[in-house]
C-alpha cells in the first residue's frame, strides 16, 4: 500500500486554550502542520524564549513528533529553534513548547498570539536493540564526518587536504 493510499494516522490532541486552532497543514502535500504561539513575546538580538503552543498530543506507540523551524521566520527574521528539531515522544502528554532564538544581529522580533512559530512532523520510528561488538563492519565512508564529503568551500586559506586524501581549493572570500 503506498503512502498516498494509506489513511491518515489518528492523533489525539487536547487544546489547553479553547481559542487555539487545531494544527493544520498549509498546503496539500505539506509534511508539517503549523504550530502557533499563545503568548506575545519580544526577543532582542541573541535572546531566546520558550513559546507555548496551547496543545498537547498523545501519539501511538511507535511514533514520534518532531518540531521543526519555519523557513520563512529564519529567512525574514533570523529566528531559529535552539533544539531543532524538538522531539515529542509517544509517552509525553505535556504542552508542546518551542524554544526560539533571535539570531538577527540588529533587529528585535516580536511574536503575537496566533503567530505561526514552528511545524509539527509526525513520523513512525523504530525501536532498536543495541548490540555491542568489538569492531563495526567497514563502509565506503568509514569514520569520515563533519565535512569529509566536501561540498562547501570554507573560509580558511589557500588550500587544504581533506581526510579522504583529496586536495580542496578553499576560497578566501575576504581577499577577493
C-alpha atoms as a PDB file:
ATOM      1  CA  UNK A   1       0.000   0.000   0.000  1.00  0.00           C
ATOM      2  CA  UNK A   2       1.544   3.351  -0.975  1.00  0.00           C
ATOM      3  CA  UNK A   3       1.791   6.332   1.368  1.00  0.00           C
ATOM      4  CA  UNK A   4      -0.852   8.129  -0.682  1.00  0.00           C
ATOM      5  CA  UNK A   5      -3.436   5.395  -0.266  1.00  0.00           C
ATOM      6  CA  UNK A   6      -2.893   4.951   3.478  1.00  0.00           C
ATOM      7  CA  UNK A   7      -5.494   6.587   5.684  1.00  0.00           C
ATOM      8  CA  UNK A   8      -4.191   9.421   7.862  1.00  0.00           C
ATOM      9  CA  UNK A   9      -2.901   8.498  11.318  1.00  0.00           C
ATOM     10  CA  UNK A  10      -5.294   9.470  14.100  1.00  0.00           C
ATOM     11  CA  UNK A  11      -3.503  11.523  16.780  1.00  0.00           C
ATOM     12  CA  UNK A  12      -5.342  12.573  19.914  1.00  0.00           C
ATOM     13  CA  UNK A  13      -4.961  16.287  20.668  1.00  0.00           C
ATOM     14  CA  UNK A  14      -6.016  18.392  23.631  1.00  0.00           C
ATOM     15  CA  UNK A  15      -6.413  22.138  23.360  1.00  0.00           C
ATOM     16  CA  UNK A  16      -5.195  23.740  26.569  1.00  0.00           C
ATOM     17  CA  UNK A  17      -6.693  27.020  25.368  1.00  0.00           C
ATOM     18  CA  UNK A  18     -10.047  26.812  23.525  1.00  0.00           C
ATOM     19  CA  UNK A  19      -9.095  29.732  21.254  1.00  0.00           C
ATOM     20  CA  UNK A  20      -6.163  27.794  19.783  1.00  0.00           C
ATOM     21  CA  UNK A  21      -6.859  26.189  16.408  1.00  0.00           C
ATOM     22  CA  UNK A  22      -6.032  22.530  15.855  1.00  0.00           C
ATOM     23  CA  UNK A  23      -2.688  22.331  13.985  1.00  0.00           C
ATOM     24  CA  UNK A  24      -3.291  22.129  10.250  1.00  0.00           C
ATOM     25  CA  UNK A  25      -1.366  21.707   7.028  1.00  0.00           C
ATOM     26  CA  UNK A  26      -0.952  24.891   4.978  1.00  0.00           C
ATOM     27  CA  UNK A  27      -0.847  23.198   1.579  1.00  0.00           C
ATOM     28  CA  UNK A  28      -1.660  19.759   0.166  1.00  0.00           C
ATOM     29  CA  UNK A  29       1.391  17.540   0.466  1.00  0.00           C
ATOM     30  CA  UNK A  30       2.952  19.506   3.354  1.00  0.00           C
ATOM     31  CA  UNK A  31       4.849  17.308   5.807  1.00  0.00           C
ATOM     32  CA  UNK A  32       4.470  19.662   8.773  1.00  0.00           C
ATOM     33  CA  UNK A  33       1.353  21.007  10.456  1.00  0.00           C
ATOM     34  CA  UNK A  34       1.610  24.607  11.655  1.00  0.00           C
ATOM     35  CA  UNK A  35       2.011  25.317  15.358  1.00  0.00           C
ATOM     36  CA  UNK A  36       1.156  28.756  16.746  1.00  0.00           C
ATOM     37  CA  UNK A  37       2.112  30.557  19.932  1.00  0.00           C
ATOM     38  CA  UNK A  38      -0.421  31.524  22.585  1.00  0.00           C
ATOM     39  CA  UNK A  39       1.701  34.282  24.114  1.00  0.00           C
ATOM     40  CA  UNK A  40       3.222  37.553  22.980  1.00  0.00           C
ATOM     41  CA  UNK A  41       6.998  37.830  23.204  1.00  0.00           C
ATOM     42  CA  UNK A  42       9.691  40.205  22.007  1.00  0.00           C
ATOM     43  CA  UNK A  43      13.219  38.928  21.503  1.00  0.00           C
ATOM     44  CA  UNK A  44      16.145  41.284  21.215  1.00  0.00           C
ATOM     45  CA  UNK A  45      19.108  40.132  19.119  1.00  0.00           C
ATOM     46  CA  UNK A  46      20.580  36.986  20.682  1.00  0.00           C
ATOM     47  CA  UNK A  47      17.660  36.407  23.061  1.00  0.00           C
ATOM     48  CA  UNK A  48      15.694  33.174  23.267  1.00  0.00           C
ATOM     49  CA  UNK A  49      12.293  32.252  24.656  1.00  0.00           C
ATOM     50  CA  UNK A  50      10.145  29.199  25.267  1.00  0.00           C
ATOM     51  CA  UNK A  51       6.849  29.793  23.462  1.00  0.00           C
ATOM     52  CA  UNK A  52       3.761  27.742  24.377  1.00  0.00           C
ATOM     53  CA  UNK A  53       1.506  26.355  21.649  1.00  0.00           C
ATOM     54  CA  UNK A  54      -1.611  25.650  23.720  1.00  0.00           C
ATOM     55  CA  UNK A  55      -1.818  21.999  22.621  1.00  0.00           C
ATOM     56  CA  UNK A  56      -0.739  18.595  23.863  1.00  0.00           C
ATOM     57  CA  UNK A  57      -0.921  15.315  21.962  1.00  0.00           C
ATOM     58  CA  UNK A  58      -0.996  11.565  22.548  1.00  0.00           C
ATOM     59  CA  UNK A  59       0.929   9.714  19.861  1.00  0.00           C
ATOM     60  CA  UNK A  60       0.510   5.989  19.268  1.00  0.00           C
ATOM     61  CA  UNK A  61       3.409   3.781  20.354  1.00  0.00           C
ATOM     62  CA  UNK A  62       5.972   3.574  17.568  1.00  0.00           C
ATOM     63  CA  UNK A  63       5.579   7.225  16.534  1.00  0.00           C
ATOM     64  CA  UNK A  64       7.277  10.484  17.463  1.00  0.00           C
ATOM     65  CA  UNK A  65       6.563  14.079  16.525  1.00  0.00           C
ATOM     66  CA  UNK A  66       9.339  16.443  15.553  1.00  0.00           C
ATOM     67  CA  UNK A  67       9.038  20.211  15.950  1.00  0.00           C
ATOM     68  CA  UNK A  68      10.816  21.874  13.013  1.00  0.00           C
ATOM     69  CA  UNK A  69      11.596  25.549  12.456  1.00  0.00           C
ATOM     70  CA  UNK A  70       9.717  27.571   9.844  1.00  0.00           C
ATOM     71  CA  UNK A  71      11.960  28.589   6.956  1.00  0.00           C
ATOM     72  CA  UNK A  72      10.109  31.878   6.448  1.00  0.00           C
ATOM     73  CA  UNK A  73      10.890  33.009  10.009  1.00  0.00           C
ATOM     74  CA  UNK A  74      14.522  32.095   9.504  1.00  0.00           C
ATOM     75  CA  UNK A  75      14.804  33.924   6.172  1.00  0.00           C
ATOM     76  CA  UNK A  76      12.829  37.044   7.082  1.00  0.00           C
ATOM     77  CA  UNK A  77      13.613  37.492  10.790  1.00  0.00           C
ATOM     78  CA  UNK A  78      16.640  35.354  11.640  1.00  0.00           C
ATOM     79  CA  UNK A  79      14.555  33.217  14.018  1.00  0.00           C
ATOM     80  CA  UNK A  80      15.806  29.682  14.662  1.00  0.00           C
ATOM     81  CA  UNK A  81      14.986  26.890  17.077  1.00  0.00           C
ATOM     82  CA  UNK A  82      17.610  26.168  19.696  1.00  0.00           C
ATOM     83  CA  UNK A  83      16.982  22.403  19.736  1.00  0.00           C
ATOM     84  CA  UNK A  84      15.828  21.804  16.177  1.00  0.00           C
ATOM     85  CA  UNK A  85      14.131  19.536  15.675  1.00  0.00           C
ATOM     86  CA  UNK A  86      12.496  19.147  19.066  1.00  0.00           C
ATOM     87  CA  UNK A  87      11.358  15.593  19.767  1.00  0.00           C
ATOM     88  CA  UNK A  88       7.949  14.708  21.198  1.00  0.00           C
ATOM     89  CA  UNK A  89       7.988  11.102  22.385  1.00  0.00           C
ATOM     90  CA  UNK A  90       4.894   8.888  22.277  1.00  0.00           C
ATOM     91  CA  UNK A  91       4.622   8.921  26.076  1.00  0.00           C
ATOM     92  CA  UNK A  92       4.784  12.730  26.518  1.00  0.00           C
ATOM     93  CA  UNK A  93       1.467  14.356  27.406  1.00  0.00           C
ATOM     94  CA  UNK A  94       2.537  17.900  28.315  1.00  0.00           C
ATOM     95  CA  UNK A  95       2.113  21.086  26.323  1.00  0.00           C
ATOM     96  CA  UNK A  96       4.205  21.361  23.176  1.00  0.00           C
ATOM     97  CA  UNK A  97       6.558  24.314  23.584  1.00  0.00           C
ATOM     98  CA  UNK A  98       9.004  25.779  21.087  1.00  0.00           C
ATOM     99  CA  UNK A  99      12.410  27.193  22.049  1.00  0.00           C
ATOM    100  CA  UNK A 100      13.171  30.036  19.638  1.00  0.00           C
ATOM    101  CA  UNK A 101      16.197  32.313  19.354  1.00  0.00           C
ATOM    102  CA  UNK A 102      16.619  35.605  17.509  1.00  0.00           C
ATOM    103  CA  UNK A 103      19.842  35.324  15.500  1.00  0.00           C
ATOM    104  CA  UNK A 104      19.464  38.706  13.791  1.00  0.00           C
ATOM    105  CA  UNK A 105      22.414  40.869  14.946  1.00  0.00           C
ATOM    106  CA  UNK A 106      20.469  44.176  14.891  1.00  0.00           C
ATOM    107  CA  UNK A 107      16.677  43.800  14.926  1.00  0.00           C
ATOM    108  CA  UNK A 108      14.274  42.579  17.604  1.00  0.00           C
ATOM    109  CA  UNK A 109      11.496  40.201  16.614  1.00  0.00           C
ATOM    110  CA  UNK A 110       8.006  40.253  18.079  1.00  0.00           C
ATOM    111  CA  UNK A 111       5.555  37.373  18.360  1.00  0.00           C
ATOM    112  CA  UNK A 112       1.830  37.785  18.924  1.00  0.00           C
ATOM    113  CA  UNK A 113      -0.685  35.138  19.992  1.00  0.00           C
ATOM    114  CA  UNK A 114      -1.729  33.193  16.881  1.00  0.00           C
ATOM    115  CA  UNK A 115       1.597  33.654  15.051  1.00  0.00           C
ATOM    116  CA  UNK A 116       2.849  30.509  13.344  1.00  0.00           C
ATOM    117  CA  UNK A 117       6.157  29.638  15.017  1.00  0.00           C
ATOM    118  CA  UNK A 118       7.014  26.058  14.024  1.00  0.00           C
ATOM    119  CA  UNK A 119       5.766  22.976  12.244  1.00  0.00           C
ATOM    120  CA  UNK A 120       4.997  19.549  13.640  1.00  0.00           C
ATOM    121  CA  UNK A 121       6.036  16.460  11.652  1.00  0.00           C
ATOM    122  CA  UNK A 122       4.778  13.066  12.878  1.00  0.00           C
ATOM    123  CA  UNK A 123       6.827  10.032  11.853  1.00  0.00           C
ATOM    124  CA  UNK A 124       6.947   6.346  12.541  1.00  0.00           C
ATOM    125  CA  UNK A 125      10.114   5.482  14.453  1.00  0.00           C
ATOM    126  CA  UNK A 126      11.909   2.211  15.021  1.00  0.00           C
ATOM    127  CA  UNK A 127      12.675   0.867  18.458  1.00  0.00           C
ATOM    128  CA  UNK A 128      16.158  -0.650  18.281  1.00  0.00           C
ATOM    129  CA  UNK A 129      18.147  -3.115  20.338  1.00  0.00           C
ATOM    130  CA  UNK A 130      21.799  -2.092  20.572  1.00  0.00           C
ATOM    131  CA  UNK A 131      24.273  -4.941  20.174  1.00  0.00           C
ATOM    132  CA  UNK A 132      27.799  -4.236  21.295  1.00  0.00           C
ATOM    133  CA  UNK A 133      30.591  -5.530  19.037  1.00  0.00           C
ATOM    134  CA  UNK A 134      34.376  -5.242  19.111  1.00  0.00           C
ATOM    135  CA  UNK A 135      34.551  -3.878  15.526  1.00  0.00           C
ATOM    136  CA  UNK A 136      31.984  -2.371  13.179  1.00  0.00           C
ATOM    137  CA  UNK A 137      31.756  -3.580   9.577  1.00  0.00           C
ATOM    138  CA  UNK A 138      33.530  -1.378   7.033  1.00  0.00           C
ATOM    139  CA  UNK A 139      31.857   1.093   4.681  1.00  0.00           C
ATOM    140  CA  UNK A 140      32.874   3.407   1.864  1.00  0.00           C
ATOM    141  CA  UNK A 141      32.642   6.453   4.131  1.00  0.00           C
ATOM    142  CA  UNK A 142      34.256   4.862   7.170  1.00  0.00           C
ATOM    143  CA  UNK A 143      34.762   7.232  10.090  1.00  0.00           C
ATOM    144  CA  UNK A 144      34.753  10.397   7.934  1.00  0.00           C
ATOM    145  CA  UNK A 145      32.368  13.020   9.214  1.00  0.00           C
ATOM    146  CA  UNK A 146      31.871  16.767   9.670  1.00  0.00           C
ATOM    147  CA  UNK A 147      32.598  17.843   6.115  1.00  0.00           C
ATOM    148  CA  UNK A 148      34.524  14.787   4.963  1.00  0.00           C
ATOM    149  CA  UNK A 149      32.374  14.535   1.833  1.00  0.00           C
ATOM    150  CA  UNK A 150      33.130  18.138   0.799  1.00  0.00           C
ATOM    151  CA  UNK A 151      30.634  20.368  -0.929  1.00  0.00           C
ATOM    152  CA  UNK A 152      31.428  23.670   0.787  1.00  0.00           C
ATOM    153  CA  UNK A 153      34.389  25.990   0.473  1.00  0.00           C
ATOM    154  CA  UNK A 154      35.282  27.177   3.967  1.00  0.00           C
ATOM    155  CA  UNK A 155      36.996  30.494   4.573  1.00  0.00           C
ATOM    156  CA  UNK A 156      40.346  29.352   5.996  1.00  0.00           C
ATOM    157  CA  UNK A 157      43.159  29.723   3.494  1.00  0.00           C
ATOM    158  CA  UNK A 158      44.566  28.861   0.069  1.00  0.00           C
ATOM    159  CA  UNK A 159      44.223  25.041   0.120  1.00  0.00           C
ATOM    160  CA  UNK A 160      43.744  22.082   2.385  1.00  0.00           C
ATOM    161  CA  UNK A 161      43.992  18.314   2.151  1.00  0.00           C
ATOM    162  CA  UNK A 162      40.873  16.557   3.370  1.00  0.00           C
ATOM    163  CA  UNK A 163      40.959  13.324   5.388  1.00  0.00           C
ATOM    164  CA  UNK A 164      39.885  11.456   2.232  1.00  0.00           C
ATOM    165  CA  UNK A 165      43.152  12.365   0.514  1.00  0.00           C
ATOM    166  CA  UNK A 166      41.666  14.876  -1.946  1.00  0.00           C
ATOM    167  CA  UNK A 167      43.023  18.404  -2.089  1.00  0.00           C
ATOM    168  CA  UNK A 168      40.374  21.087  -1.904  1.00  0.00           C
ATOM    169  CA  UNK A 169      40.844  24.642  -3.028  1.00  0.00           C
ATOM    170  CA  UNK A 170      39.387  26.844  -0.367  1.00  0.00           C
ATOM    171  CA  UNK A 171      38.412  30.327  -1.410  1.00  0.00           C
ATOM    172  CA  UNK A 172      39.296  33.197   0.901  1.00  0.00           C
ATOM    173  CA  UNK A 173      36.223  35.303   0.195  1.00  0.00           C
ATOM    174  CA  UNK A 174      37.544  38.221   2.241  1.00  0.00           C
ATOM    175  CA  UNK A 175      40.621  38.518  -0.013  1.00  0.00           C
ATOM    176  CA  UNK A 176      38.749  38.534  -3.356  1.00  0.00           C
END
